[in-house]
N, C-alpha and C. Protein backbone atom coordinates (compact mmCIF):
# COMPACT_ATOMS: atom_id res chain seq x y z
N MET A 1 -2.51 34.89 20.08
CA MET A 1 -2.66 33.85 19.09
C MET A 1 -2.55 34.51 17.71
N THR A 2 -1.78 33.90 16.81
CA THR A 2 -1.55 34.45 15.48
C THR A 2 -1.90 33.42 14.42
N PHE A 3 -2.62 33.85 13.39
CA PHE A 3 -2.92 32.97 12.26
C PHE A 3 -1.65 32.81 11.43
N VAL A 4 -1.24 31.56 11.20
CA VAL A 4 0.01 31.31 10.49
C VAL A 4 -0.20 30.67 9.12
N GLY A 5 -1.42 30.24 8.81
CA GLY A 5 -1.70 29.61 7.52
C GLY A 5 -2.80 28.59 7.66
N ARG A 6 -2.82 27.64 6.72
CA ARG A 6 -3.87 26.63 6.74
C ARG A 6 -3.34 25.30 6.23
N ALA A 7 -4.00 24.23 6.64
CA ALA A 7 -3.69 22.89 6.16
C ALA A 7 -4.99 22.10 6.10
N GLY A 8 -5.03 21.13 5.21
CA GLY A 8 -6.24 20.32 5.15
C GLY A 8 -6.29 19.44 3.92
N LEU A 9 -7.50 18.98 3.65
CA LEU A 9 -7.76 18.08 2.54
C LEU A 9 -8.68 18.76 1.54
N ARG A 10 -8.51 18.40 0.26
CA ARG A 10 -9.44 18.86 -0.77
C ARG A 10 -9.43 17.86 -1.91
N ARG A 11 -10.48 17.90 -2.68
CA ARG A 11 -10.60 17.01 -3.83
C ARG A 11 -9.54 17.41 -4.86
N TYR A 12 -8.69 16.47 -5.26
CA TYR A 12 -7.66 16.72 -6.27
C TYR A 12 -8.23 16.50 -7.67
N ASP A 13 -8.90 15.38 -7.86
CA ASP A 13 -9.58 15.06 -9.12
C ASP A 13 -10.71 14.10 -8.78
N GLU A 14 -11.27 13.44 -9.78
CA GLU A 14 -12.40 12.55 -9.51
C GLU A 14 -12.03 11.30 -8.71
N ASN A 15 -10.73 11.01 -8.60
CA ASN A 15 -10.29 9.80 -7.90
C ASN A 15 -9.56 10.05 -6.59
N ASP A 16 -8.95 11.20 -6.43
CA ASP A 16 -8.04 11.40 -5.30
C ASP A 16 -8.37 12.62 -4.46
N VAL A 17 -7.89 12.55 -3.21
CA VAL A 17 -7.96 13.67 -2.28
C VAL A 17 -6.53 14.12 -2.01
N GLU A 18 -6.34 15.43 -2.02
CA GLU A 18 -5.01 16.03 -1.82
C GLU A 18 -4.90 16.58 -0.40
N VAL A 19 -3.74 16.39 0.19
CA VAL A 19 -3.42 17.02 1.46
C VAL A 19 -2.46 18.17 1.15
N GLY A 20 -2.66 19.29 1.82
CA GLY A 20 -1.80 20.42 1.54
C GLY A 20 -1.71 21.39 2.70
N VAL A 21 -0.73 22.26 2.60
CA VAL A 21 -0.51 23.26 3.62
C VAL A 21 -0.03 24.54 2.94
N CYS A 22 -0.43 25.66 3.49
CA CYS A 22 0.00 26.97 3.00
C CYS A 22 0.27 27.84 4.23
N LEU A 23 1.53 28.16 4.44
CA LEU A 23 1.92 28.95 5.62
C LEU A 23 2.47 30.30 5.21
N PHE A 24 2.29 31.27 6.08
CA PHE A 24 2.93 32.56 5.88
C PHE A 24 4.43 32.38 6.13
N GLY A 25 5.25 33.14 5.41
CA GLY A 25 6.70 32.99 5.48
C GLY A 25 7.28 33.03 6.87
N PHE A 26 6.75 33.88 7.74
CA PHE A 26 7.31 34.00 9.09
C PHE A 26 7.12 32.74 9.92
N SER A 27 6.23 31.84 9.49
CA SER A 27 5.98 30.63 10.26
C SER A 27 6.69 29.40 9.70
N SER A 28 7.42 29.57 8.62
CA SER A 28 8.14 28.44 8.01
C SER A 28 9.30 27.98 8.89
N GLY A 29 9.61 26.68 8.80
CA GLY A 29 10.76 26.13 9.51
C GLY A 29 10.56 25.92 10.99
N LYS A 30 9.32 25.93 11.46
CA LYS A 30 9.05 25.77 12.89
C LYS A 30 8.33 24.47 13.21
N GLY A 31 8.17 23.59 12.22
CA GLY A 31 7.50 22.31 12.45
C GLY A 31 5.99 22.36 12.34
N ILE A 32 5.47 23.53 12.02
CA ILE A 32 4.02 23.69 11.94
C ILE A 32 3.44 22.89 10.78
N ALA A 33 4.11 22.91 9.64
CA ALA A 33 3.61 22.19 8.46
C ALA A 33 3.52 20.70 8.74
N GLY A 34 4.57 20.11 9.27
CA GLY A 34 4.56 18.68 9.56
C GLY A 34 3.49 18.29 10.56
N GLU A 35 3.34 19.08 11.60
CA GLU A 35 2.33 18.78 12.62
C GLU A 35 0.91 18.90 12.06
N SER A 36 0.65 19.96 11.31
CA SER A 36 -0.70 20.14 10.78
C SER A 36 -1.01 19.15 9.66
N LEU A 37 -0.03 18.83 8.83
CA LEU A 37 -0.25 17.82 7.79
C LEU A 37 -0.47 16.45 8.41
N GLY A 38 0.27 16.13 9.46
CA GLY A 38 0.06 14.86 10.14
C GLY A 38 -1.36 14.71 10.64
N ALA A 39 -1.92 15.78 11.20
CA ALA A 39 -3.30 15.75 11.68
C ALA A 39 -4.28 15.59 10.51
N ALA A 40 -4.03 16.28 9.40
CA ALA A 40 -4.91 16.16 8.23
C ALA A 40 -4.85 14.75 7.64
N ILE A 41 -3.66 14.16 7.60
CA ILE A 41 -3.50 12.80 7.08
C ILE A 41 -4.26 11.81 7.96
N GLU A 42 -4.08 11.93 9.26
CA GLU A 42 -4.77 11.03 10.17
C GLU A 42 -6.28 11.17 10.04
N PHE A 43 -6.77 12.39 9.98
CA PHE A 43 -8.20 12.62 9.81
C PHE A 43 -8.70 11.97 8.52
N GLY A 44 -7.97 12.18 7.42
CA GLY A 44 -8.39 11.63 6.14
C GLY A 44 -8.52 10.13 6.15
N PHE A 45 -7.53 9.45 6.71
CA PHE A 45 -7.57 7.99 6.71
C PHE A 45 -8.50 7.42 7.77
N ARG A 46 -8.71 8.13 8.86
CA ARG A 46 -9.65 7.63 9.89
C ARG A 46 -11.11 7.85 9.50
N ARG A 47 -11.39 8.97 8.84
CA ARG A 47 -12.78 9.36 8.61
C ARG A 47 -13.30 9.12 7.19
N LEU A 48 -12.40 8.98 6.23
CA LEU A 48 -12.82 8.85 4.83
C LEU A 48 -12.36 7.53 4.25
N PRO A 49 -13.13 6.94 3.35
CA PRO A 49 -12.75 5.65 2.74
C PRO A 49 -11.75 5.85 1.59
N LEU A 50 -10.60 6.39 1.90
CA LEU A 50 -9.60 6.72 0.89
C LEU A 50 -8.63 5.57 0.68
N ARG A 51 -8.29 5.31 -0.56
CA ARG A 51 -7.27 4.33 -0.90
C ARG A 51 -5.88 4.94 -0.72
N ARG A 52 -5.79 6.25 -1.03
CA ARG A 52 -4.53 6.96 -0.90
C ARG A 52 -4.79 8.45 -0.77
N LEU A 53 -3.77 9.18 -0.33
CA LEU A 53 -3.76 10.63 -0.36
C LEU A 53 -2.66 11.05 -1.32
N VAL A 54 -2.84 12.19 -1.95
CA VAL A 54 -1.84 12.70 -2.87
C VAL A 54 -1.44 14.12 -2.45
N CYS A 55 -0.32 14.56 -3.00
CA CYS A 55 0.18 15.90 -2.72
C CYS A 55 1.00 16.36 -3.92
N VAL A 56 0.89 17.62 -4.28
CA VAL A 56 1.74 18.19 -5.33
C VAL A 56 2.60 19.29 -4.72
N VAL A 57 3.86 19.32 -5.16
CA VAL A 57 4.83 20.27 -4.61
C VAL A 57 5.60 20.90 -5.77
N ARG A 58 5.77 22.20 -5.71
CA ARG A 58 6.57 22.88 -6.74
C ARG A 58 8.00 22.32 -6.75
N PRO A 59 8.59 22.14 -7.92
CA PRO A 59 9.95 21.58 -8.01
C PRO A 59 11.01 22.39 -7.24
N THR A 60 10.77 23.66 -7.05
CA THR A 60 11.74 24.51 -6.35
C THR A 60 11.57 24.49 -4.83
N ASN A 61 10.50 23.88 -4.34
CA ASN A 61 10.22 23.88 -2.90
C ASN A 61 10.83 22.65 -2.24
N ILE A 62 12.11 22.70 -2.02
CA ILE A 62 12.87 21.58 -1.46
C ILE A 62 12.41 21.24 -0.05
N ARG A 63 12.13 22.24 0.76
CA ARG A 63 11.68 22.01 2.14
C ARG A 63 10.40 21.18 2.17
N SER A 64 9.43 21.49 1.32
CA SER A 64 8.18 20.73 1.28
C SER A 64 8.39 19.32 0.72
N GLN A 65 9.30 19.18 -0.23
CA GLN A 65 9.61 17.85 -0.77
C GLN A 65 10.14 16.95 0.34
N LYS A 66 11.05 17.48 1.14
CA LYS A 66 11.60 16.71 2.26
C LYS A 66 10.53 16.39 3.30
N ALA A 67 9.64 17.34 3.54
CA ALA A 67 8.56 17.12 4.51
C ALA A 67 7.64 15.99 4.05
N MET A 68 7.31 15.95 2.77
CA MET A 68 6.43 14.89 2.26
C MET A 68 7.07 13.52 2.46
N LEU A 69 8.35 13.42 2.22
CA LEU A 69 9.05 12.14 2.42
C LEU A 69 9.09 11.76 3.90
N ARG A 70 9.34 12.73 4.77
CA ARG A 70 9.34 12.46 6.22
C ARG A 70 7.98 11.98 6.70
N LEU A 71 6.91 12.50 6.10
CA LEU A 71 5.56 12.13 6.51
C LEU A 71 5.14 10.76 5.97
N GLY A 72 5.93 10.20 5.05
CA GLY A 72 5.61 8.88 4.53
C GLY A 72 5.11 8.84 3.10
N PHE A 73 5.13 9.98 2.42
CA PHE A 73 4.73 10.02 1.02
C PHE A 73 5.86 9.49 0.15
N SER A 74 5.51 8.98 -1.01
CA SER A 74 6.49 8.52 -2.00
C SER A 74 6.38 9.39 -3.24
N PHE A 75 7.53 9.74 -3.81
CA PHE A 75 7.54 10.50 -5.05
C PHE A 75 7.08 9.58 -6.18
N ALA A 76 6.08 10.03 -6.95
CA ALA A 76 5.50 9.20 -8.00
C ALA A 76 5.75 9.75 -9.40
N GLY A 77 6.43 10.89 -9.52
CA GLY A 77 6.73 11.46 -10.82
C GLY A 77 6.30 12.91 -10.92
N MET A 78 6.46 13.45 -12.10
CA MET A 78 6.07 14.83 -12.36
C MET A 78 4.66 14.85 -12.94
N THR A 79 3.94 15.93 -12.69
CA THR A 79 2.59 16.07 -13.22
C THR A 79 2.30 17.53 -13.53
N GLU A 80 1.34 17.76 -14.39
CA GLU A 80 0.86 19.11 -14.65
C GLU A 80 -0.49 19.24 -13.97
N HIS A 81 -0.66 20.31 -13.21
CA HIS A 81 -1.90 20.53 -12.47
C HIS A 81 -2.19 22.02 -12.48
N LEU A 82 -3.38 22.37 -12.92
CA LEU A 82 -3.81 23.77 -12.97
C LEU A 82 -2.82 24.65 -13.74
N GLY A 83 -2.25 24.08 -14.81
CA GLY A 83 -1.37 24.84 -15.70
C GLY A 83 0.07 24.97 -15.26
N ALA A 84 0.47 24.28 -14.20
CA ALA A 84 1.85 24.34 -13.73
C ALA A 84 2.39 22.93 -13.55
N VAL A 85 3.71 22.79 -13.56
CA VAL A 85 4.36 21.49 -13.37
C VAL A 85 4.71 21.32 -11.90
N PHE A 86 4.39 20.15 -11.36
CA PHE A 86 4.62 19.84 -9.95
C PHE A 86 5.26 18.46 -9.80
N ARG A 87 5.87 18.25 -8.66
CA ARG A 87 6.28 16.90 -8.24
C ARG A 87 5.06 16.28 -7.57
N PHE A 88 4.75 15.04 -7.93
CA PHE A 88 3.55 14.36 -7.45
C PHE A 88 3.94 13.30 -6.42
N TYR A 89 3.34 13.37 -5.25
CA TYR A 89 3.60 12.43 -4.16
C TYR A 89 2.30 11.70 -3.82
N GLU A 90 2.44 10.46 -3.33
CA GLU A 90 1.28 9.70 -2.90
C GLU A 90 1.59 8.93 -1.63
N MET A 91 0.55 8.67 -0.86
CA MET A 91 0.65 7.86 0.35
C MET A 91 -0.51 6.87 0.30
N GLN A 92 -0.18 5.58 0.27
CA GLN A 92 -1.21 4.54 0.31
C GLN A 92 -1.75 4.46 1.74
N ARG A 93 -2.99 4.03 1.87
CA ARG A 93 -3.61 3.89 3.18
C ARG A 93 -2.75 2.97 4.06
N PRO A 94 -2.28 3.47 5.20
CA PRO A 94 -1.49 2.63 6.11
C PRO A 94 -2.35 1.54 6.73
N GLY A 95 -1.73 0.40 7.06
CA GLY A 95 -2.44 -0.72 7.65
C GLY A 95 -3.15 -0.37 8.95
N LYS A 96 -2.61 0.57 9.72
CA LYS A 96 -3.25 0.93 10.99
C LYS A 96 -4.58 1.63 10.78
N PHE A 97 -4.88 2.03 9.54
CA PHE A 97 -6.15 2.67 9.22
C PHE A 97 -6.96 1.79 8.27
N ALA A 98 -7.08 0.51 8.60
CA ALA A 98 -7.79 -0.44 7.73
C ALA A 98 -9.22 0.04 7.50
N LEU A 99 -9.70 -0.22 6.28
CA LEU A 99 -11.09 0.16 5.94
C LEU A 99 -12.08 -0.75 6.63
């Protein structure tokens, strides 16, 4: 068994929770990010009273941008976060996870 990275939820700001993933390079492109993010998204909407989840992606990270769209996130514009510029994505609570 090999540690390949991490995925999960964290507080983005006073209103939102962010979903994110950080993988070691050797594990990229194997579907691990999508699978682990899917589990984090499901956990967030099943267990927490969230209106939406958000995600920030570096403008140069095309693979992650495509993954966010495949997972159901919508591009909402550019944002500055922690001193850097990111693409901002959001996912509204799906109907199957009614509050």
